[in-house]
């Protein structure tokens, strides 16, 4: 006996296919529900953890020993020239301390302080720490240095950090910059060459001219 489709008088072939598809979908749903299948849903605790991870603002941590040119450009105050200088410096003198980045011309105490949170600390991090701002009392005392310090001759080619700091207007940062310059460029030929060091101009030179020598 030939089977006769009872729906053919009410639905078109396309409508019959759609009805069949819906029926199979419902049947599958009932089957899965019967066997206890349940899709995983995120719990409130999971959502809170995700929000915390997304909202965390972790600072960039660069290792200046291996950072690429593009990565160095991400540091505040570091442009293309300084990024190239950092790479050139470390190729000639591998960094042993993160603070040695201040040996590079153009990177002073202010720039270093700005980028320090984004640098990976390594080596000795105490040598170039900035001294705290002096109190008003200490400022008054510093205005009257001893006579010996005022008149002692300083050889800028051999003077150490402490000796350079006795010069007027020369603190630890500039003294270190002088040492870094002569390590990179050799001895100063004249006392006027001192102005080649960043941060030392005509005014500072004139204040100390009577105390300076290169021999």
C-alpha atoms as a PDB file:
ATOM      1  CA  UNK A   1       0.000   0.000   0.000  1.00  0.00           C
ATOM      2  CA  UNK A   2       1.424   3.349  -1.033  1.00  0.00           C
ATOM      3  CA  UNK A   3       1.989   5.889   1.800  1.00  0.00           C
ATOM      4  CA  UNK A   4       0.250   9.216   1.263  1.00  0.00           C
ATOM      5  CA  UNK A   5       1.656  12.341   2.894  1.00  0.00           C
ATOM      6  CA  UNK A   6      -1.253  13.910   4.798  1.00  0.00           C
ATOM      7  CA  UNK A   7       0.446  17.337   4.793  1.00  0.00           C
ATOM      8  CA  UNK A   8       0.666  17.746   1.051  1.00  0.00           C
ATOM      9  CA  UNK A   9      -2.829  19.168   0.870  1.00  0.00           C
ATOM     10  CA  UNK A  10      -2.028  21.838   3.479  1.00  0.00           C
ATOM     11  CA  UNK A  11       1.684  22.736   3.089  1.00  0.00           C
ATOM     12  CA  UNK A  12       4.053  23.298   0.198  1.00  0.00           C
ATOM     13  CA  UNK A  13       7.181  21.099  -0.068  1.00  0.00           C
ATOM     14  CA  UNK A  14       9.355  23.937   1.325  1.00  0.00           C
ATOM     15  CA  UNK A  15       7.011  24.477   4.251  1.00  0.00           C
ATOM     16  CA  UNK A  16       7.076  20.759   4.973  1.00  0.00           C
ATOM     17  CA  UNK A  17      10.920  20.830   5.094  1.00  0.00           C
ATOM     18  CA  UNK A  18      10.869  23.735   7.536  1.00  0.00           C
ATOM     19  CA  UNK A  19       8.373  21.932   9.748  1.00  0.00           C
ATOM     20  CA  UNK A  20      10.542  18.803   9.679  1.00  0.00           C
ATOM     21  CA  UNK A  21      13.637  20.816  10.665  1.00  0.00           C
ATOM     22  CA  UNK A  22      11.828  22.444  13.595  1.00  0.00           C
ATOM     23  CA  UNK A  23      10.567  19.083  14.750  1.00  0.00           C
ATOM     24  CA  UNK A  24      14.057  17.562  14.713  1.00  0.00           C
ATOM     25  CA  UNK A  25      15.449  20.569  16.615  1.00  0.00           C
ATOM     26  CA  UNK A  26      12.839  20.221  19.346  1.00  0.00           C
ATOM     27  CA  UNK A  27      13.446  16.483  19.523  1.00  0.00           C
ATOM     28  CA  UNK A  28      17.230  17.004  19.957  1.00  0.00           C
ATOM     29  CA  UNK A  29      16.598  19.554  22.690  1.00  0.00           C
ATOM     30  CA  UNK A  30      14.379  17.156  24.596  1.00  0.00           C
ATOM     31  CA  UNK A  31      16.982  14.412  24.189  1.00  0.00           C
ATOM     32  CA  UNK A  32      19.799  16.567  25.611  1.00  0.00           C
ATOM     33  CA  UNK A  33      17.633  17.791  28.476  1.00  0.00           C
ATOM     34  CA  UNK A  34      16.679  14.220  29.342  1.00  0.00           C
ATOM     35  CA  UNK A  35      20.333  13.190  29.687  1.00  0.00           C
ATOM     36  CA  UNK A  36      21.159  16.204  31.886  1.00  0.00           C
ATOM     37  CA  UNK A  37      23.269  18.255  29.474  1.00  0.00           C
ATOM     38  CA  UNK A  38      23.626  21.857  30.574  1.00  0.00           C
ATOM     39  CA  UNK A  39      25.903  24.499  28.972  1.00  0.00           C
ATOM     40  CA  UNK A  40      28.499  26.031  31.278  1.00  0.00           C
ATOM     41  CA  UNK A  41      27.632  29.493  32.501  1.00  0.00           C
ATOM     42  CA  UNK A  42      29.975  32.084  33.941  1.00  0.00           C
ATOM     43  CA  UNK A  43      29.520  32.574  37.663  1.00  0.00           C
ATOM     44  CA  UNK A  44      29.531  36.046  39.271  1.00  0.00           C
ATOM     45  CA  UNK A  45      32.945  35.215  40.752  1.00  0.00           C
ATOM     46  CA  UNK A  46      34.324  34.464  37.279  1.00  0.00           C
ATOM     47  CA  UNK A  47      32.969  37.747  35.941  1.00  0.00           C
ATOM     48  CA  UNK A  48      34.507  39.694  38.837  1.00  0.00           C
ATOM     49  CA  UNK A  49      37.899  38.053  38.216  1.00  0.00           C
ATOM     50  CA  UNK A  50      37.711  38.908  34.530  1.00  0.00           C
ATOM     51  CA  UNK A  51      36.848  42.531  35.279  1.00  0.00           C
ATOM     52  CA  UNK A  52      39.773  42.764  37.691  1.00  0.00           C
ATOM     53  CA  UNK A  53      42.219  41.438  35.076  1.00  0.00           C
ATOM     54  CA  UNK A  54      40.895  43.793  32.399  1.00  0.00           C
ATOM     55  CA  UNK A  55      40.942  46.815  34.696  1.00  0.00           C
ATOM     56  CA  UNK A  56      44.461  46.201  36.027  1.00  0.00           C
ATOM     57  CA  UNK A  57      46.833  48.803  34.630  1.00  0.00           C
ATOM     58  CA  UNK A  58      50.164  47.041  34.834  1.00  0.00           C
ATOM     59  CA  UNK A  59      53.067  49.338  33.880  1.00  0.00           C
ATOM     60  CA  UNK A  60      55.285  48.485  30.954  1.00  0.00           C
ATOM     61  CA  UNK A  61      58.485  46.791  32.155  1.00  0.00           C
ATOM     62  CA  UNK A  62      61.355  47.049  29.674  1.00  0.00           C
ATOM     63  CA  UNK A  63      64.748  45.420  30.058  1.00  0.00           C
ATOM     64  CA  UNK A  64      67.134  47.977  28.531  1.00  0.00           C
ATOM     65  CA  UNK A  65      69.679  45.206  27.955  1.00  0.00           C
ATOM     66  CA  UNK A  66      67.525  43.578  25.263  1.00  0.00           C
ATOM     67  CA  UNK A  67      64.706  46.037  24.437  1.00  0.00           C
ATOM     68  CA  UNK A  68      64.187  46.679  20.726  1.00  0.00           C
ATOM     69  CA  UNK A  69      64.227  50.093  19.061  1.00  0.00           C
ATOM     70  CA  UNK A  70      60.419  50.078  18.834  1.00  0.00           C
ATOM     71  CA  UNK A  71      60.032  49.107  22.499  1.00  0.00           C
ATOM     72  CA  UNK A  72      62.361  51.890  23.657  1.00  0.00           C
ATOM     73  CA  UNK A  73      60.234  54.424  21.772  1.00  0.00           C
ATOM     74  CA  UNK A  74      57.363  53.535  24.126  1.00  0.00           C
ATOM     75  CA  UNK A  75      59.235  55.140  27.032  1.00  0.00           C
ATOM     76  CA  UNK A  76      58.280  58.696  27.950  1.00  0.00           C
ATOM     77  CA  UNK A  77      60.809  61.236  26.685  1.00  0.00           C
ATOM     78  CA  UNK A  78      62.679  58.702  24.530  1.00  0.00           C
ATOM     79  CA  UNK A  79      62.606  59.597  20.840  1.00  0.00           C
ATOM     80  CA  UNK A  80      64.300  57.960  17.872  1.00  0.00           C
ATOM     81  CA  UNK A  81      67.713  59.544  18.551  1.00  0.00           C
ATOM     82  CA  UNK A  82      67.845  58.550  22.207  1.00  0.00           C
ATOM     83  CA  UNK A  83      66.570  55.043  21.426  1.00  0.00           C
ATOM     84  CA  UNK A  84      69.410  54.645  18.908  1.00  0.00           C
ATOM     85  CA  UNK A  85      71.889  56.043  21.449  1.00  0.00           C
ATOM     86  CA  UNK A  86      70.755  53.494  24.049  1.00  0.00           C
ATOM     87  CA  UNK A  87      71.270  50.624  21.614  1.00  0.00           C
ATOM     88  CA  UNK A  88      74.653  51.974  20.466  1.00  0.00           C
ATOM     89  CA  UNK A  89      75.793  52.439  24.072  1.00  0.00           C
ATOM     90  CA  UNK A  90      74.864  48.941  25.200  1.00  0.00           C
ATOM     91  CA  UNK A  91      76.577  47.397  22.169  1.00  0.00           C
ATOM     92  CA  UNK A  92      79.819  49.094  23.215  1.00  0.00           C
ATOM     93  CA  UNK A  93      79.243  48.942  26.986  1.00  0.00           C
ATOM     94  CA  UNK A  94      76.705  46.293  28.071  1.00  0.00           C
ATOM     95  CA  UNK A  95      74.508  47.567  30.896  1.00  0.00           C
ATOM     96  CA  UNK A  96      75.288  46.111  34.320  1.00  0.00           C
ATOM     97  CA  UNK A  97      72.880  48.410  36.151  1.00  0.00           C
ATOM     98  CA  UNK A  98      69.621  50.027  35.079  1.00  0.00           C
ATOM     99  CA  UNK A  99      70.891  53.367  36.408  1.00  0.00           C
ATOM    100  CA  UNK A 100      73.636  53.422  33.782  1.00  0.00           C
ATOM    101  CA  UNK A 101      71.055  54.632  31.286  1.00  0.00           C
ATOM    102  CA  UNK A 102      71.870  58.105  32.658  1.00  0.00           C
ATOM    103  CA  UNK A 103      75.342  57.772  31.130  1.00  0.00           C
ATOM    104  CA  UNK A 104      73.719  58.368  27.759  1.00  0.00           C
ATOM    105  CA  UNK A 105      73.766  61.983  26.655  1.00  0.00           C
ATOM    106  CA  UNK A 106      70.308  63.529  26.809  1.00  0.00           C
ATOM    107  CA  UNK A 107      68.990  61.237  29.532  1.00  0.00           C
ATOM    108  CA  UNK A 108      69.290  63.095  32.795  1.00  0.00           C
ATOM    109  CA  UNK A 109      67.844  62.723  36.256  1.00  0.00           C
ATOM    110  CA  UNK A 110      64.409  64.044  35.280  1.00  0.00           C
ATOM    111  CA  UNK A 111      63.987  61.709  32.308  1.00  0.00           C
ATOM    112  CA  UNK A 112      65.318  58.793  34.346  1.00  0.00           C
ATOM    113  CA  UNK A 113      62.808  59.469  37.136  1.00  0.00           C
ATOM    114  CA  UNK A 114      59.963  59.536  34.592  1.00  0.00           C
ATOM    115  CA  UNK A 115      60.850  56.232  32.926  1.00  0.00           C
ATOM    116  CA  UNK A 116      62.047  54.350  36.022  1.00  0.00           C
ATOM    117  CA  UNK A 117      58.606  52.793  36.754  1.00  0.00           C
ATOM    118  CA  UNK A 118      58.700  51.283  33.250  1.00  0.00           C
ATOM    119  CA  UNK A 119      62.219  49.826  33.528  1.00  0.00           C
ATOM    120  CA  UNK A 120      63.143  46.366  34.745  1.00  0.00           C
ATOM    121  CA  UNK A 121      65.472  46.827  37.728  1.00  0.00           C
ATOM    122  CA  UNK A 122      68.764  44.932  37.672  1.00  0.00           C
ATOM    123  CA  UNK A 123      72.291  45.314  38.991  1.00  0.00           C
ATOM    124  CA  UNK A 124      73.222  47.967  41.520  1.00  0.00           C
ATOM    125  CA  UNK A 125      70.334  50.409  41.820  1.00  0.00           C
ATOM    126  CA  UNK A 126      71.871  52.583  44.551  1.00  0.00           C
ATOM    127  CA  UNK A 127      74.777  54.360  42.846  1.00  0.00           C
ATOM    128  CA  UNK A 128      72.821  57.058  41.069  1.00  0.00           C
ATOM    129  CA  UNK A 129      69.842  57.547  43.339  1.00  0.00           C
ATOM    130  CA  UNK A 130      68.845  61.174  43.429  1.00  0.00           C
ATOM    131  CA  UNK A 131      69.583  62.918  46.691  1.00  0.00           C
ATOM    132  CA  UNK A 132      66.494  64.221  48.538  1.00  0.00           C
ATOM    133  CA  UNK A 133      65.798  67.917  48.259  1.00  0.00           C
ATOM    134  CA  UNK A 134      67.709  69.769  50.988  1.00  0.00           C
ATOM    135  CA  UNK A 135      65.761  71.473  53.739  1.00  0.00           C
ATOM    136  CA  UNK A 136      65.801  75.241  54.119  1.00  0.00           C
ATOM    137  CA  UNK A 137      68.322  74.867  56.960  1.00  0.00           C
ATOM    138  CA  UNK A 138      70.725  72.795  54.885  1.00  0.00           C
ATOM    139  CA  UNK A 139      70.433  75.285  52.011  1.00  0.00           C
ATOM    140  CA  UNK A 140      71.648  78.057  54.296  1.00  0.00           C
ATOM    141  CA  UNK A 141      74.575  75.928  55.455  1.00  0.00           C
ATOM    142  CA  UNK A 142      75.529  75.023  51.884  1.00  0.00           C
ATOM    143  CA  UNK A 143      75.901  78.680  50.980  1.00  0.00           C
ATOM    144  CA  UNK A 144      79.048  78.895  53.119  1.00  0.00           C
ATOM    145  CA  UNK A 145      81.378  76.039  52.079  1.00  0.00           C
ATOM    146  CA  UNK A 146      84.828  75.837  53.567  1.00  0.00           C
ATOM    147  CA  UNK A 147      87.627  77.960  52.141  1.00  0.00           C
ATOM    148  CA  UNK A 148      89.589  74.842  51.156  1.00  0.00           C
ATOM    149  CA  UNK A 149      86.754  73.613  48.933  1.00  0.00           C
ATOM    150  CA  UNK A 150      86.446  77.056  47.306  1.00  0.00           C
ATOM    151  CA  UNK A 151      90.063  77.306  46.245  1.00  0.00           C
ATOM    152  CA  UNK A 152      91.169  73.718  45.565  1.00  0.00           C
ATOM    153  CA  UNK A 153      92.220  73.093  41.951  1.00  0.00           C
ATOM    154  CA  UNK A 154      90.181  70.377  40.227  1.00  0.00           C
ATOM    155  CA  UNK A 155      91.578  68.416  37.287  1.00  0.00           C
ATOM    156  CA  UNK A 156      88.461  67.594  35.267  1.00  0.00           C
ATOM    157  CA  UNK A 157      90.284  64.728  33.541  1.00  0.00           C
ATOM    158  CA  UNK A 158      91.095  62.853  36.761  1.00  0.00           C
ATOM    159  CA  UNK A 159      88.701  64.177  39.424  1.00  0.00           C
ATOM    160  CA  UNK A 160      86.376  61.669  41.054  1.00  0.00           C
ATOM    161  CA  UNK A 161      82.694  62.193  41.813  1.00  0.00           C
ATOM    162  CA  UNK A 162      83.310  63.754  45.231  1.00  0.00           C
ATOM    163  CA  UNK A 163      85.918  66.211  43.911  1.00  0.00           C
ATOM    164  CA  UNK A 164      83.722  67.299  41.014  1.00  0.00           C
ATOM    165  CA  UNK A 165      80.841  67.931  43.415  1.00  0.00           C
ATOM    166  CA  UNK A 166      82.909  70.631  45.166  1.00  0.00           C
ATOM    167  CA  UNK A 167      82.574  72.796  42.050  1.00  0.00           C
ATOM    168  CA  UNK A 168      79.939  75.513  42.066  1.00  0.00           C
ATOM    169  CA  UNK A 169      76.711  74.380  40.417  1.00  0.00           C
ATOM    170  CA  UNK A 170      77.906  70.772  40.046  1.00  0.00           C
ATOM    171  CA  UNK A 171      75.882  68.139  41.887  1.00  0.00           C
ATOM    172  CA  UNK A 172      76.030  64.351  41.740  1.00  0.00           C
ATOM    173  CA  UNK A 173      74.079  64.092  38.467  1.00  0.00           C
ATOM    174  CA  UNK A 174      76.283  66.573  36.569  1.00  0.00           C
ATOM    175  CA  UNK A 175      79.439  65.138  38.139  1.00  0.00           C
ATOM    176  CA  UNK A 176      78.440  61.683  36.908  1.00  0.00           C
ATOM    177  CA  UNK A 177      77.693  63.173  33.476  1.00  0.00           C
ATOM    178  CA  UNK A 178      81.243  64.621  33.356  1.00  0.00           C
ATOM    179  CA  UNK A 179      82.742  61.229  34.206  1.00  0.00           C
ATOM    180  CA  UNK A 180      80.527  59.489  31.631  1.00  0.00           C
ATOM    181  CA  UNK A 181      81.530  62.013  28.948  1.00  0.00           C
ATOM    182  CA  UNK A 182      85.255  61.548  29.427  1.00  0.00           C
ATOM    183  CA  UNK A 183      84.859  57.748  29.554  1.00  0.00           C
ATOM    184  CA  UNK A 184      83.124  57.884  26.200  1.00  0.00           C
ATOM    185  CA  UNK A 185      85.104  60.669  24.504  1.00  0.00           C
ATOM    186  CA  UNK A 186      88.474  60.682  26.240  1.00  0.00           C
ATOM    187  CA  UNK A 187      90.194  63.485  28.128  1.00  0.00           C
ATOM    188  CA  UNK A 188      89.102  67.110  27.963  1.00  0.00           C
ATOM    189  CA  UNK A 189      91.550  69.070  25.790  1.00  0.00           C
ATOM    190  CA  UNK A 190      90.653  72.423  27.372  1.00  0.00           C
ATOM    191  CA  UNK A 191      88.541  73.503  30.295  1.00  0.00           C
ATOM    192  CA  UNK A 192      86.104  75.018  27.777  1.00  0.00           C
ATOM    193  CA  UNK A 193      85.364  71.464  26.581  1.00  0.00           C
ATOM    194  CA  UNK A 194      83.478  71.033  29.843  1.00  0.00           C
ATOM    195  CA  UNK A 195      80.568  72.824  28.162  1.00  0.00           C
ATOM    196  CA  UNK A 196      80.183  69.827  25.842  1.00  0.00           C
ATOM    197  CA  UNK A 197      78.630  68.003  28.797  1.00  0.00           C
ATOM    198  CA  UNK A 198      74.859  68.406  28.836  1.00  0.00           C
ATOM    199  CA  UNK A 199      73.683  70.811  31.536  1.00  0.00           C
ATOM    200  CA  UNK A 200      76.966  72.714  31.839  1.00  0.00           C
ATOM    201  CA  UNK A 201      76.969  76.111  30.167  1.00  0.00           C
ATOM    202  CA  UNK A 202      78.999  79.308  30.083  1.00  0.00           C
ATOM    203  CA  UNK A 203      77.694  80.512  33.439  1.00  0.00           C
ATOM    204  CA  UNK A 204      78.807  77.368  35.297  1.00  0.00           C
ATOM    205  CA  UNK A 205      82.177  77.412  33.540  1.00  0.00           C
ATOM    206  CA  UNK A 206      82.849  81.047  34.475  1.00  0.00           C
ATOM    207  CA  UNK A 207      82.037  80.367  38.142  1.00  0.00           C
ATOM    208  CA  UNK A 208      84.636  77.596  38.310  1.00  0.00           C
ATOM    209  CA  UNK A 209      87.205  78.707  35.723  1.00  0.00           C
ATOM    210  CA  UNK A 210      89.825  79.708  38.294  1.00  0.00           C
ATOM    211  CA  UNK A 211      89.704  76.240  39.863  1.00  0.00           C
ATOM    212  CA  UNK A 212      89.769  74.104  36.721  1.00  0.00           C
ATOM    213  CA  UNK A 213      92.661  72.431  34.951  1.00  0.00           C
ATOM    214  CA  UNK A 214      93.107  69.653  32.394  1.00  0.00           C
ATOM    215  CA  UNK A 215      96.778  68.867  33.253  1.00  0.00           C
END
